[in-house]
């Protein structure tokens, strides 16, 4: 029964759903009338959304990158071999600033086997 401590960077995959692929965008500046539209996030589908305004003007929201999933290497700490128990914790946070905002990820897992007990 030896105590172990490991720091690693395993890969984690996230399959994107509609909540992460779209958001409600609002026209800005002097465009009238101000409007909201369901538009792709930067990871969303490659579709351009255009809304029409007064006097034949239009406002175009850019398309996303068309990603179906994201794969990231997330820092992970593992403490293990305490009566066959292993605890993993993953955390990552990055503030891109401006309009992009923050990316945050937290995961944890605790597992045990009967091998360490008997």
Protein backbone atom coordinates (compact mmCIF):
# COMPACT_ATOMS: atom_id res chain seq x y z
CA UNK A 1 0.00 0.00 0.00
CA UNK A 2 2.10 2.85 -1.34
CA UNK A 3 1.01 6.44 -1.55
CA UNK A 4 1.14 7.93 -5.05
CA UNK A 5 0.90 11.46 -6.37
CA UNK A 6 0.76 12.20 -10.10
CA UNK A 7 0.41 15.36 -12.15
CA UNK A 8 -0.66 14.82 -15.75
CA UNK A 9 -2.46 16.31 -18.73
CA UNK A 10 -5.01 13.80 -20.03
CA UNK A 11 -7.18 14.64 -23.01
CA UNK A 12 -10.83 15.48 -22.41
CA UNK A 13 -13.44 15.69 -25.16
CA UNK A 14 -16.64 17.72 -25.09
CA UNK A 15 -19.41 17.12 -27.61
CA UNK A 16 -21.15 20.43 -28.29
CA UNK A 17 -24.91 20.75 -27.90
CA UNK A 18 -27.19 23.58 -29.06
CA UNK A 19 -26.60 25.49 -25.81
CA UNK A 20 -22.87 25.75 -26.57
CA UNK A 21 -23.31 26.23 -30.32
CA UNK A 22 -25.82 29.15 -30.27
CA UNK A 23 -26.64 32.27 -28.26
CA UNK A 24 -28.94 35.28 -28.54
CA UNK A 25 -27.01 38.09 -30.22
CA UNK A 26 -28.09 41.74 -30.29
CA UNK A 27 -27.35 44.30 -32.99
CA UNK A 28 -25.33 47.26 -31.78
CA UNK A 29 -24.16 50.67 -32.86
CA UNK A 30 -26.47 52.90 -34.89
CA UNK A 31 -28.34 49.98 -36.51
CA UNK A 32 -32.12 50.45 -36.17
CA UNK A 33 -34.25 48.90 -34.96
CA UNK A 34 -32.14 47.04 -32.41
CA UNK A 35 -32.85 43.33 -32.86
CA UNK A 36 -32.01 39.98 -31.33
CA UNK A 37 -31.34 36.80 -33.26
CA UNK A 38 -30.26 33.24 -32.48
CA UNK A 39 -26.72 33.15 -33.84
CA UNK A 40 -23.78 30.73 -33.77
CA UNK A 41 -21.07 30.96 -31.13
CA UNK A 42 -17.45 30.88 -32.29
CA UNK A 43 -17.66 27.07 -32.14
CA UNK A 44 -21.14 26.91 -33.68
CA UNK A 45 -22.19 26.06 -37.23
CA UNK A 46 -20.86 27.80 -40.31
CA UNK A 47 -24.01 29.81 -40.95
CA UNK A 48 -24.14 33.55 -41.37
CA UNK A 49 -27.19 35.24 -39.84
CA UNK A 50 -28.45 38.53 -41.32
CA UNK A 51 -31.26 40.71 -39.95
CA UNK A 52 -32.91 43.52 -41.91
CA UNK A 53 -33.27 47.05 -40.59
CA UNK A 54 -34.70 50.38 -41.71
CA UNK A 55 -34.27 51.78 -45.23
CA UNK A 56 -32.88 48.58 -46.71
CA UNK A 57 -30.01 48.23 -44.24
CA UNK A 58 -28.90 44.86 -42.92
CA UNK A 59 -26.76 43.62 -40.02
CA UNK A 60 -24.72 40.44 -40.45
CA UNK A 61 -23.51 38.21 -37.63
CA UNK A 62 -20.46 36.08 -38.54
CA UNK A 63 -20.52 32.30 -38.84
CA UNK A 64 -18.94 29.91 -36.36
CA UNK A 65 -16.10 27.48 -36.99
CA UNK A 66 -18.41 24.48 -37.41
CA UNK A 67 -16.91 22.43 -34.58
CA UNK A 68 -18.77 19.31 -33.45
CA UNK A 69 -16.54 18.74 -30.42
CA UNK A 70 -13.58 20.17 -28.51
CA UNK A 71 -10.59 18.21 -27.24
CA UNK A 72 -8.47 19.78 -24.51
CA UNK A 73 -5.50 18.69 -22.40
CA UNK A 74 -6.61 19.51 -18.85
CA UNK A 75 -4.20 19.55 -15.87
CA UNK A 76 -5.01 16.65 -13.53
CA UNK A 77 -3.78 15.75 -10.05
CA UNK A 78 -4.11 12.12 -8.91
CA UNK A 79 -3.66 10.94 -5.33
CA UNK A 80 -3.92 7.20 -4.98
CA UNK A 81 -3.27 3.85 -3.37
CA UNK A 82 -4.85 4.65 -0.04
CA UNK A 83 -6.69 1.36 0.61
CA UNK A 84 -7.20 0.98 -3.13
CA UNK A 85 -8.75 4.44 -3.44
CA UNK A 86 -7.79 6.97 -6.08
CA UNK A 87 -8.88 10.61 -6.25
CA UNK A 88 -8.54 12.66 -9.46
CA UNK A 89 -9.15 16.39 -9.80
CA UNK A 90 -9.06 18.42 -13.02
CA UNK A 91 -9.27 22.18 -13.27
CA UNK A 92 -8.63 24.81 -15.90
CA UNK A 93 -9.68 28.46 -16.12
CA UNK A 94 -8.69 31.08 -18.62
CA UNK A 95 -10.04 34.60 -19.05
CA UNK A 96 -9.82 35.65 -22.70
CA UNK A 97 -11.08 39.12 -21.77
CA UNK A 98 -13.25 41.44 -23.81
CA UNK A 99 -16.37 40.03 -25.43
CA UNK A 100 -15.12 36.43 -25.42
CA UNK A 101 -15.22 35.93 -21.65
CA UNK A 102 -14.02 32.99 -19.57
CA UNK A 103 -13.40 29.30 -20.21
CA UNK A 104 -13.71 27.19 -17.06
CA UNK A 105 -13.59 23.45 -16.49
CA UNK A 106 -13.74 21.46 -13.23
CA UNK A 107 -13.89 17.70 -12.87
CA UNK A 108 -13.32 15.25 -10.05
CA UNK A 109 -13.50 11.51 -9.56
CA UNK A 110 -13.04 9.11 -6.68
CA UNK A 111 -12.77 5.37 -7.30
CA UNK A 112 -11.90 2.39 -5.15
CA UNK A 113 -11.17 -1.31 -5.63
CA UNK A 114 -11.30 -4.16 -3.16
CA UNK A 115 -7.64 -5.01 -3.97
CA UNK A 116 -6.32 -2.37 -1.57
CA UNK A 117 -8.48 -3.53 1.31
CA UNK A 118 -7.78 -7.30 1.27
